């Protein structure tokens, strides 16, 4: 079963700017995100998640997007995770709606991602 999305998360972001309002919509990553059918990945990889085993799963789009960027730019796991924290464009590509200035909202992303 795929990871559950927290519907109330947007309520906590009430006073923060949405990424779509602060990034350039002509940026290559913003344009690329519109060309990818993210539902295909959700459908294909959703069955691979174990609901009751291990840590809570990270969103499929986040994992796929990090993997794509890692290979497009020839980056290590650590480098792509650092780029995720630094770039609002990478975060938008990964499906974030608000800028994530730390890994707190991602359950220790840097310590658990191997893409």
PDB file of N, CA and C in Angstrom:
ATOM      1  N   UNK A   1       0.848  -1.175   0.000  1.00  0.00           N
ATOM      2  CA  UNK A   1       0.000   0.000   0.000  1.00  0.00           C
ATOM      3  C   UNK A   1       0.893   1.236   0.000  1.00  0.00           C
ATOM      4  N   UNK A   2       0.589   2.230  -0.831  1.00  0.00           N
ATOM      5  CA  UNK A   2       1.406   3.443  -0.898  1.00  0.00           C
ATOM      6  C   UNK A   2       1.298   4.268   0.376  1.00  0.00           C
ATOM      7  N   UNK A   3       2.262   5.155   0.601  1.00  0.00           N
ATOM      8  CA  UNK A   3       2.214   5.996   1.800  1.00  0.00           C
ATOM      9  C   UNK A   3       0.990   6.893   1.792  1.00  0.00           C
ATOM     10  N   UNK A   4       0.485   7.146   2.990  1.00  0.00           N
ATOM     11  CA  UNK A   4      -0.687   8.014   3.132  1.00  0.00           C
ATOM     12  C   UNK A   4      -0.252   9.472   3.124  1.00  0.00           C
ATOM     13  N   UNK A   5      -1.028  10.295   2.469  1.00  0.00           N
ATOM     14  CA  UNK A   5      -0.751  11.728   2.441  1.00  0.00           C
ATOM     15  C   UNK A   5      -1.491  12.400   3.578  1.00  0.00           C
ATOM     16  N   UNK A   6      -0.849  13.363   4.208  1.00  0.00           N
ATOM     17  CA  UNK A   6      -1.433  14.066   5.333  1.00  0.00           C
ATOM     18  C   UNK A   6      -2.220  15.269   4.825  1.00  0.00           C
ATOM     19  N   UNK A   7      -3.535  15.139   4.782  1.00  0.00           N
ATOM     20  CA  UNK A   7      -4.394  16.201   4.244  1.00  0.00           C
ATOM     21  C   UNK A   7      -4.333  17.471   5.078  1.00  0.00           C
ATOM     22  N   UNK A   8      -4.064  17.367   6.364  1.00  0.00           N
ATOM     23  CA  UNK A   8      -4.042  18.549   7.221  1.00  0.00           C
ATOM     24  C   UNK A   8      -2.707  19.289   7.172  1.00  0.00           C
ATOM     25  N   UNK A   9      -1.736  18.778   6.422  1.00  0.00           N
ATOM     26  CA  UNK A   9      -0.426  19.427   6.340  1.00  0.00           C
ATOM     27  C   UNK A   9      -0.548  20.842   5.775  1.00  0.00           C
ATOM     28  N   UNK A  10      -1.416  21.050   4.785  1.00  0.00           N
ATOM     29  CA  UNK A  10      -1.594  22.388   4.224  1.00  0.00           C
ATOM     30  C   UNK A  10      -2.129  23.367   5.257  1.00  0.00           C
ATOM     31  N   UNK A  11      -2.911  22.882   6.216  1.00  0.00           N
ATOM     32  CA  UNK A  11      -3.411  23.750   7.277  1.00  0.00           C
ATOM     33  C   UNK A  11      -2.264  24.324   8.100  1.00  0.00           C
ATOM     34  N   UNK A  12      -1.204  23.541   8.294  1.00  0.00           N
ATOM     35  CA  UNK A  12      -0.050  23.989   9.071  1.00  0.00           C
ATOM     36  C   UNK A  12       0.797  24.999   8.294  1.00  0.00           C
ATOM     37  N   UNK A  13       0.635  25.042   6.990  1.00  0.00           N
ATOM     38  CA  UNK A  13       1.432  25.910   6.128  1.00  0.00           C
ATOM     39  C   UNK A  13       0.726  27.220   5.794  1.00  0.00           C
ATOM     40  N   UNK A  14      -0.278  27.574   6.547  1.00  0.00           N
ATOM     41  CA  UNK A  14      -1.131  28.717   6.256  1.00  0.00           C
ATOM     42  C   UNK A  14      -0.358  30.009   6.002  1.00  0.00           C
ATOM     43  N   UNK A  15       0.693  30.249   6.759  1.00  0.00           N
ATOM     44  CA  UNK A  15       1.404  31.517   6.665  1.00  0.00           C
ATOM     45  C   UNK A  15       2.693  31.430   5.847  1.00  0.00           C
ATOM     46  N   UNK A  16       2.913  30.328   5.168  1.00  0.00           N
ATOM     47  CA  UNK A  16       4.100  30.166   4.334  1.00  0.00           C
ATOM     48  C   UNK A  16       3.712  30.281   2.870  1.00  0.00           C
ATOM     49  N   UNK A  17       4.603  30.811   2.070  1.00  0.00           N
ATOM     50  CA  UNK A  17       4.340  30.960   0.634  1.00  0.00           C
ATOM     51  C   UNK A  17       4.414  29.611  -0.066  1.00  0.00           C
ATOM     52  N   UNK A  18       3.499  29.401  -0.986  1.00  0.00           N
ATOM     53  CA  UNK A  18       3.518  28.186  -1.793  1.00  0.00           C
ATOM     54  C   UNK A  18       4.643  28.300  -2.822  1.00  0.00           C
ATOM     55  N   UNK A  19       5.314  27.189  -3.086  1.00  0.00           N
ATOM     56  CA  UNK A  19       6.411  27.192  -4.048  1.00  0.00           C
ATOM     57  C   UNK A  19       5.967  27.709  -5.412  1.00  0.00           C
ATOM     58  N   UNK A  20       4.780  27.335  -5.832  1.00  0.00           N
ATOM     59  CA  UNK A  20       4.304  27.763  -7.155  1.00  0.00           C
ATOM     60  C   UNK A  20       4.214  29.282  -7.276  1.00  0.00           C
ATOM     61  N   UNK A  21       4.132  29.975  -6.149  1.00  0.00           N
ATOM     62  CA  UNK A  21       4.039  31.435  -6.165  1.00  0.00           C
ATOM     63  C   UNK A  21       5.393  32.132  -6.122  1.00  0.00           C
ATOM     64  N   UNK A  22       6.462  31.397  -5.831  1.00  0.00           N
ATOM     65  CA  UNK A  22       7.770  32.046  -5.693  1.00  0.00           C
ATOM     66  C   UNK A  22       8.807  31.551  -6.694  1.00  0.00           C
ATOM     67  N   UNK A  23       8.505  30.507  -7.450  1.00  0.00           N
ATOM     68  CA  UNK A  23       9.478  30.006  -8.420  1.00  0.00           C
ATOM     69  C   UNK A  23       9.093  30.438  -9.830  1.00  0.00           C
ATOM     70  N   UNK A  24      10.090  30.464 -10.698  1.00  0.00           N
ATOM     71  CA  UNK A  24       9.884  30.823 -12.104  1.00  0.00           C
ATOM     72  C   UNK A  24       9.265  29.626 -12.826  1.00  0.00           C
ATOM     73  N   UNK A  25       8.076  29.800 -13.346  1.00  0.00           N
ATOM     74  CA  UNK A  25       7.354  28.707 -14.001  1.00  0.00           C
ATOM     75  C   UNK A  25       8.009  28.273 -15.316  1.00  0.00           C
ATOM     76  N   UNK A  26       8.999  29.035 -15.785  1.00  0.00           N
ATOM     77  CA  UNK A  26       9.713  28.677 -17.017  1.00  0.00           C
ATOM     78  C   UNK A  26      10.977  27.875 -16.746  1.00  0.00           C
ATOM     79  N   UNK A  27      11.299  27.638 -15.478  1.00  0.00           N
ATOM     80  CA  UNK A  27      12.496  26.873 -15.119  1.00  0.00           C
ATOM     81  C   UNK A  27      12.376  25.460 -15.702  1.00  0.00           C
ATOM     82  N   UNK A  28      13.481  24.884 -16.182  1.00  0.00           N
ATOM     83  CA  UNK A  28      13.421  23.550 -16.794  1.00  0.00           C
ATOM     84  C   UNK A  28      12.792  22.463 -15.910  1.00  0.00           C
ATOM     85  N   UNK A  29      13.056  22.474 -14.615  1.00  0.00           N
ATOM     86  CA  UNK A  29      12.455  21.450 -13.750  1.00  0.00           C
ATOM     87  C   UNK A  29      10.951  21.644 -13.605  1.00  0.00           C
ATOM     88  N   UNK A  30      10.507  22.884 -13.590  1.00  0.00           N
ATOM     89  CA  UNK A  30       9.070  23.162 -13.496  1.00  0.00           C
ATOM     90  C   UNK A  30       8.386  22.718 -14.782  1.00  0.00           C
ATOM     91  N   UNK A  31       9.033  22.947 -15.909  1.00  0.00           N
ATOM     92  CA  UNK A  31       8.466  22.510 -17.184  1.00  0.00           C
ATOM     93  C   UNK A  31       8.479  20.991 -17.296  1.00  0.00           C
ATOM     94  N   UNK A  32       9.548  20.356 -16.825  1.00  0.00           N
ATOM     95  CA  UNK A  32       9.647  18.895 -16.880  1.00  0.00           C
ATOM     96  C   UNK A  32       8.585  18.221 -16.022  1.00  0.00           C
ATOM     97  N   UNK A  33       8.285  18.795 -14.865  1.00  0.00           N
ATOM     98  CA  UNK A  33       7.310  18.180 -13.962  1.00  0.00           C
ATOM     99  C   UNK A  33       5.940  18.063 -14.633  1.00  0.00           C
ATOM    100  N   UNK A  34       5.646  18.979 -15.537  1.00  0.00           N
ATOM    101  CA  UNK A  34       4.356  18.946 -16.245  1.00  0.00           C
ATOM    102  C   UNK A  34       4.308  17.851 -17.305  1.00  0.00           C
ATOM    103  N   UNK A  35       5.458  17.360 -17.727  1.00  0.00           N
ATOM    104  CA  UNK A  35       5.518  16.338 -18.772  1.00  0.00           C
ATOM    105  C   UNK A  35       5.473  14.915 -18.226  1.00  0.00           C
ATOM    106  N   UNK A  36       5.683  14.761 -16.933  1.00  0.00           N
ATOM    107  CA  UNK A  36       5.740  13.428 -16.319  1.00  0.00           C
ATOM    108  C   UNK A  36       4.387  13.073 -15.735  1.00  0.00           C
ATOM    109  N   UNK A  37       3.915  11.872 -16.041  1.00  0.00           N
ATOM    110  CA  UNK A  37       2.669  11.369 -15.456  1.00  0.00           C
ATOM    111  C   UNK A  37       3.037  10.640 -14.161  1.00  0.00           C
ATOM    112  N   UNK A  38       2.984  11.356 -13.053  1.00  0.00           N
ATOM    113  CA  UNK A  38       3.415  10.817 -11.764  1.00  0.00           C
ATOM    114  C   UNK A  38       2.516   9.678 -11.293  1.00  0.00           C
ATOM    115  N   UNK A  39       1.276   9.631 -11.766  1.00  0.00           N
ATOM    116  CA  UNK A  39       0.351   8.557 -11.358  1.00  0.00           C
ATOM    117  C   UNK A  39       0.853   7.188 -11.787  1.00  0.00           C
ATOM    118  N   UNK A  40       1.560   7.131 -12.909  1.00  0.00           N
ATOM    119  CA  UNK A  40       2.109   5.854 -13.378  1.00  0.00           C
ATOM    120  C   UNK A  40       3.036   5.268 -12.318  1.00  0.00           C
ATOM    121  N   UNK A  41       3.875   6.109 -11.739  1.00  0.00           N
ATOM    122  CA  UNK A  41       4.800   5.638 -10.709  1.00  0.00           C
ATOM    123  C   UNK A  41       4.050   5.212  -9.451  1.00  0.00           C
ATOM    124  N   UNK A  42       3.034   5.984  -9.073  1.00  0.00           N
ATOM    125  CA  UNK A  42       2.219   5.630  -7.901  1.00  0.00           C
ATOM    126  C   UNK A  42       1.590   4.252  -8.093  1.00  0.00           C
ATOM    127  N   UNK A  43       1.057   4.013  -9.280  1.00  0.00           N
ATOM    128  CA  UNK A  43       0.401   2.735  -9.557  1.00  0.00           C
ATOM    129  C   UNK A  43       1.398   1.586  -9.592  1.00  0.00           C
ATOM    130  N   UNK A  44       2.537   1.805 -10.232  1.00  0.00           N
ATOM    131  CA  UNK A  44       3.531   0.734 -10.374  1.00  0.00           C
ATOM    132  C   UNK A  44       4.230   0.393  -9.065  1.00  0.00           C
ATOM    133  N   UNK A  45       4.566   1.413  -8.288  1.00  0.00           N
ATOM    134  CA  UNK A  45       5.335   1.181  -7.073  1.00  0.00           C
ATOM    135  C   UNK A  45       4.482   1.070  -5.819  1.00  0.00           C
ATOM    136  N   UNK A  46       3.219   1.453  -5.891  1.00  0.00           N
ATOM    137  CA  UNK A  46       2.341   1.425  -4.722  1.00  0.00           C
ATOM    138  C   UNK A  46       2.222   0.056  -4.088  1.00  0.00           C
ATOM    139  N   UNK A  47       2.218  -0.978  -4.899  1.00  0.00           N
ATOM    140  CA  UNK A  47       2.078  -2.337  -4.362  1.00  0.00           C
ATOM    141  C   UNK A  47       3.341  -2.817  -3.654  1.00  0.00           C
ATOM    142  N   UNK A  48       4.438  -2.122  -3.813  1.00  0.00           N
ATOM    143  CA  UNK A  48       5.696  -2.534  -3.185  1.00  0.00           C
ATOM    144  C   UNK A  48       5.821  -2.080  -1.736  1.00  0.00           C
ATOM    145  N   UNK A  49       4.948  -1.177  -1.317  1.00  0.00           N
ATOM    146  CA  UNK A  49       4.994  -0.680   0.053  1.00  0.00           C
ATOM    147  C   UNK A  49       4.322  -1.672   0.997  1.00  0.00           C
ATOM    148  N   UNK A  50       4.969  -1.922   2.130  1.00  0.00           N
ATOM    149  CA  UNK A  50       4.389  -2.763   3.176  1.00  0.00           C
ATOM    150  C   UNK A  50       3.799  -1.837   4.233  1.00  0.00           C
ATOM    151  N   UNK A  51       2.513  -1.985   4.486  1.00  0.00           N
ATOM    152  CA  UNK A  51       1.816  -1.047   5.368  1.00  0.00           C
ATOM    153  C   UNK A  51       2.285  -1.126   6.819  1.00  0.00           C
ATOM    154  N   UNK A  52       2.515  -2.315   7.328  1.00  0.00           N
ATOM    155  CA  UNK A  52       2.801  -2.464   8.752  1.00  0.00           C
ATOM    156  C   UNK A  52       4.270  -2.744   9.048  1.00  0.00           C
ATOM    157  N   UNK A  53       5.119  -2.728   8.045  1.00  0.00           N
ATOM    158  CA  UNK A  53       6.515  -3.090   8.269  1.00  0.00           C
ATOM    159  C   UNK A  53       7.421  -1.865   8.188  1.00  0.00           C
ATOM    160  N   UNK A  54       8.319  -1.737   9.148  1.00  0.00           N
ATOM    161  CA  UNK A  54       9.340  -0.705   9.105  1.00  0.00           C
ATOM    162  C   UNK A  54       8.842   0.712   9.309  1.00  0.00           C
ATOM    163  N   UNK A  55       9.677   1.644   8.878  1.00  0.00           N
ATOM    164  CA  UNK A  55       9.374   3.070   9.003  1.00  0.00           C
ATOM    165  C   UNK A  55       8.227   3.460   8.075  1.00  0.00           C
ATOM    166  N   UNK A  56       7.550   4.554   8.391  1.00  0.00           N
ATOM    167  CA  UNK A  56       6.536   5.054   7.448  1.00  0.00           C
ATOM    168  C   UNK A  56       7.200   5.400   6.111  1.00  0.00           C
ATOM    169  N   UNK A  57       6.519   5.102   5.045  1.00  0.00           N
ATOM    170  CA  UNK A  57       7.078   5.307   3.708  1.00  0.00           C
ATOM    171  C   UNK A  57       7.103   6.782   3.322  1.00  0.00           C
ATOM    172  N   UNK A  58       8.106   7.135   2.550  1.00  0.00           N
ATOM    173  CA  UNK A  58       8.159   8.462   1.946  1.00  0.00           C
ATOM    174  C   UNK A  58       7.299   8.441   0.687  1.00  0.00           C
ATOM    175  N   UNK A  59       6.795   9.579   0.256  1.00  0.00           N
ATOM    176  CA  UNK A  59       5.964   9.608  -0.949  1.00  0.00           C
ATOM    177  C   UNK A  59       6.702   9.060  -2.174  1.00  0.00           C
ATOM    178  N   UNK A  60       5.979   8.326  -2.989  1.00  0.00           N
ATOM    179  CA  UNK A  60       6.554   7.735  -4.196  1.00  0.00           C
ATOM    180  C   UNK A  60       7.149   8.806  -5.103  1.00  0.00           C
ATOM    181  N   UNK A  61       6.433   9.895  -5.281  1.00  0.00           N
ATOM    182  CA  UNK A  61       6.934  10.953  -6.167  1.00  0.00           C
ATOM    183  C   UNK A  61       8.267  11.495  -5.677  1.00  0.00           C
ATOM    184  N   UNK A  62       8.413  11.681  -4.389  1.00  0.00           N
ATOM    185  CA  UNK A  62       9.670  12.168  -3.829  1.00  0.00           C
ATOM    186  C   UNK A  62      10.809  11.223  -4.185  1.00  0.00           C
ATOM    187  N   UNK A  63      10.597   9.937  -3.983  1.00  0.00           N
ATOM    188  CA  UNK A  63      11.652   8.960  -4.243  1.00  0.00           C
ATOM    189  C   UNK A  63      11.987   8.873  -5.732  1.00  0.00           C
ATOM    190  N   UNK A  64      10.973   8.856  -6.581  1.00  0.00           N
ATOM    191  CA  UNK A  64      11.203   8.785  -8.028  1.00  0.00           C
ATOM    192  C   UNK A  64      11.905  10.050  -8.518  1.00  0.00           C
ATOM    193  N   UNK A  65      11.445  11.205  -8.061  1.00  0.00           N
ATOM    194  CA  UNK A  65      12.036  12.472  -8.495  1.00  0.00           C
ATOM    195  C   UNK A  65      13.497  12.579  -8.065  1.00  0.00           C
ATOM    196  N   UNK A  66      13.806  12.193  -6.831  1.00  0.00           N
ATOM    197  CA  UNK A  66      15.198  12.227  -6.376  1.00  0.00           C
ATOM    198  C   UNK A  66      16.063  11.287  -7.206  1.00  0.00           C
ATOM    199  N   UNK A  67      15.522  10.118  -7.513  1.00  0.00           N
ATOM    200  CA  UNK A  67      16.259   9.144  -8.319  1.00  0.00           C
ATOM    201  C   UNK A  67      16.523   9.701  -9.728  1.00  0.00           C
ATOM    202  N   UNK A  68      15.514  10.293 -10.335  1.00  0.00           N
ATOM    203  CA  UNK A  68      15.689  10.887 -11.668  1.00  0.00           C
ATOM    204  C   UNK A  68      16.746  11.988 -11.656  1.00  0.00           C
ATOM    205  N   UNK A  69      16.641  12.902 -10.700  1.00  0.00           N
ATOM    206  CA  UNK A  69      17.594  14.008 -10.622  1.00  0.00           C
ATOM    207  C   UNK A  69      19.004  13.515 -10.329  1.00  0.00           C
ATOM    208  N   UNK A  70      19.108  12.514  -9.495  1.00  0.00           N
ATOM    209  CA  UNK A  70      20.411  11.945  -9.159  1.00  0.00           C
ATOM    210  C   UNK A  70      21.111  11.454 -10.424  1.00  0.00           C
ATOM    211  N   UNK A  71      20.379  10.752 -11.260  1.00  0.00           N
ATOM    212  CA  UNK A  71      20.981  10.201 -12.472  1.00  0.00           C
ATOM    213  C   UNK A  71      21.127  11.235 -13.588  1.00  0.00           C
ATOM    214  N   UNK A  72      20.228  12.186 -13.671  1.00  0.00           N
ATOM    215  CA  UNK A  72      20.342  13.240 -14.688  1.00  0.00           C
ATOM    216  C   UNK A  72      21.585  14.089 -14.459  1.00  0.00           C
ATOM    217  N   UNK A  73      21.902  14.346 -13.186  1.00  0.00           N
ATOM    218  CA  UNK A  73      23.012  15.236 -12.852  1.00  0.00           C
ATOM    219  C   UNK A  73      24.255  14.506 -12.355  1.00  0.00           C
ATOM    220  N   UNK A  74      24.208  13.163 -12.297  1.00  0.00           N
ATOM    221  CA  UNK A  74      25.365  12.385 -11.860  1.00  0.00           C
ATOM    222  C   UNK A  74      25.765  12.653 -10.420  1.00  0.00           C
ATOM    223  N   UNK A  75      24.785  12.737  -9.531  1.00  0.00           N
ATOM    224  CA  UNK A  75      25.042  13.073  -8.132  1.00  0.00           C
ATOM    225  C   UNK A  75      25.008  11.841  -7.234  1.00  0.00           C
ATOM    226  N   UNK A  76      25.666  11.940  -6.091  1.00  0.00           N
ATOM    227  CA  UNK A  76      25.600  10.893  -5.073  1.00  0.00           C
ATOM    228  C   UNK A  76      24.301  11.040  -4.291  1.00  0.00           C
ATOM    229  N   UNK A  77      23.987  10.041  -3.464  1.00  0.00           N
ATOM    230  CA  UNK A  77      22.797  10.130  -2.608  1.00  0.00           C
ATOM    231  C   UNK A  77      22.863  11.370  -1.723  1.00  0.00           C
ATOM    232  N   UNK A  78      24.028  11.594  -1.111  1.00  0.00           N
ATOM    233  CA  UNK A  78      24.189  12.731  -0.215  1.00  0.00           C
ATOM    234  C   UNK A  78      24.041  14.052  -0.964  1.00  0.00           C
ATOM    235  N   UNK A  79      24.604  14.118  -2.169  1.00  0.00           N
ATOM    236  CA  UNK A  79      24.554  15.362  -2.944  1.00  0.00           C
ATOM    237  C   UNK A  79      23.135  15.692  -3.393  1.00  0.00           C
ATOM    238  N   UNK A  80      22.365  14.695  -3.811  1.00  0.00           N
ATOM    239  CA  UNK A  80      20.999  14.988  -4.255  1.00  0.00           C
ATOM    240  C   UNK A  80      20.127  15.389  -3.070  1.00  0.00           C
ATOM    241  N   UNK A  81      20.366  14.800  -1.913  1.00  0.00           N
ATOM    242  CA  UNK A  81      19.597  15.186  -0.724  1.00  0.00           C
ATOM    243  C   UNK A  81      19.958  16.602  -0.284  1.00  0.00           C
ATOM    244  N   UNK A  82      21.230  16.963  -0.387  1.00  0.00           N
ATOM    245  CA  UNK A  82      21.644  18.333  -0.060  1.00  0.00           C
ATOM    246  C   UNK A  82      21.037  19.316  -1.060  1.00  0.00           C
ATOM    247  N   UNK A  83      21.007  18.936  -2.314  1.00  0.00           N
ATOM    248  CA  UNK A  83      20.400  19.805  -3.336  1.00  0.00           C
ATOM    249  C   UNK A  83      18.906  19.973  -3.081  1.00  0.00           C
ATOM    250  N   UNK A  84      18.256  18.907  -2.629  1.00  0.00           N
ATOM    251  CA  UNK A  84      16.829  18.976  -2.281  1.00  0.00           C
ATOM    252  C   UNK A  84      16.599  20.055  -1.220  1.00  0.00           C
ATOM    253  N   UNK A  85      17.458  20.103  -0.218  1.00  0.00           N
ATOM    254  CA  UNK A  85      17.294  21.082   0.859  1.00  0.00           C
ATOM    255  C   UNK A  85      17.570  22.507   0.397  1.00  0.00           C
ATOM    256  N   UNK A  86      18.440  22.672  -0.592  1.00  0.00           N
ATOM    257  CA  UNK A  86      18.851  24.004  -1.042  1.00  0.00           C
ATOM    258  C   UNK A  86      17.976  24.608  -2.133  1.00  0.00           C
ATOM    259  N   UNK A  87      17.294  23.781  -2.903  1.00  0.00           N
ATOM    260  CA  UNK A  87      16.643  24.284  -4.110  1.00  0.00           C
ATOM    261  C   UNK A  87      15.122  24.187  -4.080  1.00  0.00           C
ATOM    262  N   UNK A  88      14.444  25.318  -4.165  1.00  0.00           N
ATOM    263  CA  UNK A  88      12.982  25.256  -4.247  1.00  0.00           C
ATOM    264  C   UNK A  88      12.519  24.582  -5.538  1.00  0.00           C
ATOM    265  N   UNK A  89      13.340  24.629  -6.578  1.00  0.00           N
ATOM    266  CA  UNK A  89      12.975  23.978  -7.837  1.00  0.00           C
ATOM    267  C   UNK A  89      13.013  22.459  -7.703  1.00  0.00           C
ATOM    268  N   UNK A  90      14.013  21.956  -7.019  1.00  0.00           N
ATOM    269  CA  UNK A  90      14.084  20.512  -6.772  1.00  0.00           C
ATOM    270  C   UNK A  90      12.917  20.089  -5.892  1.00  0.00           C
ATOM    271  N   UNK A  91      12.613  20.877  -4.879  1.00  0.00           N
ATOM    272  CA  UNK A  91      11.496  20.530  -3.998  1.00  0.00           C
ATOM    273  C   UNK A  91      10.173  20.540  -4.754  1.00  0.00           C
ATOM    274  N   UNK A  92       9.974  21.509  -5.628  1.00  0.00           N
ATOM    275  CA  UNK A  92       8.752  21.534  -6.442  1.00  0.00           C
ATOM    276  C   UNK A  92       8.705  20.317  -7.360  1.00  0.00           C
ATOM    277  N   UNK A  93       9.837  19.954  -7.944  1.00  0.00           N
ATOM    278  CA  UNK A  93       9.913  18.775  -8.805  1.00  0.00           C
ATOM    279  C   UNK A  93       9.555  17.513  -8.029  1.00  0.00           C
ATOM    280  N   UNK A  94       9.925  17.491  -6.754  1.00  0.00           N
ATOM    281  CA  UNK A  94       9.654  16.331  -5.894  1.00  0.00           C
ATOM    282  C   UNK A  94       8.233  16.321  -5.333  1.00  0.00           C
ATOM    283  N   UNK A  95       7.444  17.330  -5.647  1.00  0.00           N
ATOM    284  CA  UNK A  95       6.047  17.341  -5.231  1.00  0.00           C
ATOM    285  C   UNK A  95       5.736  18.147  -3.992  1.00  0.00           C
ATOM    286  N   UNK A  96       6.721  18.854  -3.468  1.00  0.00           N
ATOM    287  CA  UNK A  96       6.462  19.687  -2.293  1.00  0.00           C
ATOM    288  C   UNK A  96       5.620  20.892  -2.703  1.00  0.00           C
ATOM    289  N   UNK A  97       4.792  21.366  -1.800  1.00  0.00           N
ATOM    290  CA  UNK A  97       3.997  22.561  -2.072  1.00  0.00           C
ATOM    291  C   UNK A  97       4.575  23.788  -1.375  1.00  0.00           C
ATOM    292  N   UNK A  98       5.334  23.570  -0.294  1.00  0.00           N
ATOM    293  CA  UNK A  98       5.960  24.656   0.466  1.00  0.00           C
ATOM    294  C   UNK A  98       7.436  24.326   0.642  1.00  0.00           C
ATOM    295  N   UNK A  99       8.270  25.363   0.739  1.00  0.00           N
ATOM    296  CA  UNK A  99       9.708  25.146   0.883  1.00  0.00           C
ATOM    297  C   UNK A  99      10.016  24.428   2.183  1.00  0.00           C
ATOM    298  N   UNK A 100      10.838  23.397   2.084  1.00  0.00           N
ATOM    299  CA  UNK A 100      11.272  22.623   3.243  1.00  0.00           C
ATOM    300  C   UNK A 100      12.689  23.059   3.596  1.00  0.00           C
ATOM    301  N   UNK A 101      12.835  23.858   4.634  1.00  0.00           N
ATOM    302  CA  UNK A 101      14.141  24.370   5.023  1.00  0.00           C
ATOM    303  C   UNK A 101      14.948  23.408   5.865  1.00  0.00           C
ATOM    304  N   UNK A 102      14.321  22.325   6.268  1.00  0.00           N
ATOM    305  CA  UNK A 102      15.012  21.306   7.052  1.00  0.00           C
ATOM    306  C   UNK A 102      14.436  19.950   6.680  1.00  0.00           C
ATOM    307  N   UNK A 103      15.062  18.918   7.198  1.00  0.00           N
ATOM    308  CA  UNK A 103      14.574  17.563   6.933  1.00  0.00           C
ATOM    309  C   UNK A 103      13.511  17.150   7.935  1.00  0.00           C
ATOM    310  N   UNK A 104      13.197  18.018   8.872  1.00  0.00           N
ATOM    311  CA  UNK A 104      12.228  17.683   9.917  1.00  0.00           C
ATOM    312  C   UNK A 104      10.898  17.223   9.325  1.00  0.00           C
ATOM    313  N   UNK A 105      10.418  17.890   8.314  1.00  0.00           N
ATOM    314  CA  UNK A 105       9.148  17.534   7.697  1.00  0.00           C
ATOM    315  C   UNK A 105       9.201  16.284   6.849  1.00  0.00           C
ATOM    316  N   UNK A 106      10.371  15.736   6.656  1.00  0.00           N
ATOM    317  CA  UNK A 106      10.546  14.558   5.818  1.00  0.00           C
ATOM    318  C   UNK A 106      11.081  13.376   6.615  1.00  0.00           C
ATOM    319  N   UNK A 107      10.952  13.404   7.919  1.00  0.00           N
ATOM    320  CA  UNK A 107      11.339  12.251   8.725  1.00  0.00           C
ATOM    321  C   UNK A 107      12.798  11.859   8.612  1.00  0.00           C
ATOM    322  N   UNK A 108      13.697  12.812   8.583  1.00  0.00           N
ATOM    323  CA  UNK A 108      15.113  12.479   8.511  1.00  0.00           C
ATOM    324  C   UNK A 108      15.537  12.036   7.127  1.00  0.00           C
ATOM    325  N   UNK A 109      15.109  12.747   6.128  1.00  0.00           N
ATOM    326  CA  UNK A 109      15.365  12.395   4.737  1.00  0.00           C
ATOM    327  C   UNK A 109      16.820  12.047   4.476  1.00  0.00           C
ATOM    328  N   UNK A 110      17.741  12.871   4.954  1.00  0.00           N
ATOM    329  CA  UNK A 110      19.152  12.635   4.668  1.00  0.00           C
ATOM    330  C   UNK A 110      19.663  11.335   5.257  1.00  0.00           C
ATOM    331  N   UNK A 111      19.109  10.932   6.373  1.00  0.00           N
ATOM    332  CA  UNK A 111      19.593   9.727   7.022  1.00  0.00           C
ATOM    333  C   UNK A 111      18.982   8.446   6.512  1.00  0.00           C
ATOM    334  N   UNK A 112      17.970   8.517   5.676  1.00  0.00           N
ATOM    335  CA  UNK A 112      17.310   7.285   5.288  1.00  0.00           C
ATOM    336  C   UNK A 112      17.135   7.081   3.801  1.00  0.00           C
ATOM    337  N   UNK A 113      17.531   8.039   3.008  1.00  0.00           N
ATOM    338  CA  UNK A 113      17.334   7.886   1.568  1.00  0.00           C
ATOM    339  C   UNK A 113      18.555   7.253   0.930  1.00  0.00           C
ATOM    340  N   UNK A 114      18.351   6.185   0.239  1.00  0.00           N
ATOM    341  CA  UNK A 114      19.332   5.611  -0.659  1.00  0.00           C
ATOM    342  C   UNK A 114      18.616   5.467  -1.979  1.00  0.00           C
ATOM    343  N   UNK A 115      18.958   6.312  -2.912  1.00  0.00           N
ATOM    344  CA  UNK A 115      18.246   6.299  -4.193  1.00  0.00           C
ATOM    345  C   UNK A 115      19.126   5.766  -5.300  1.00  0.00           C
TER     346      UNK A 115
END
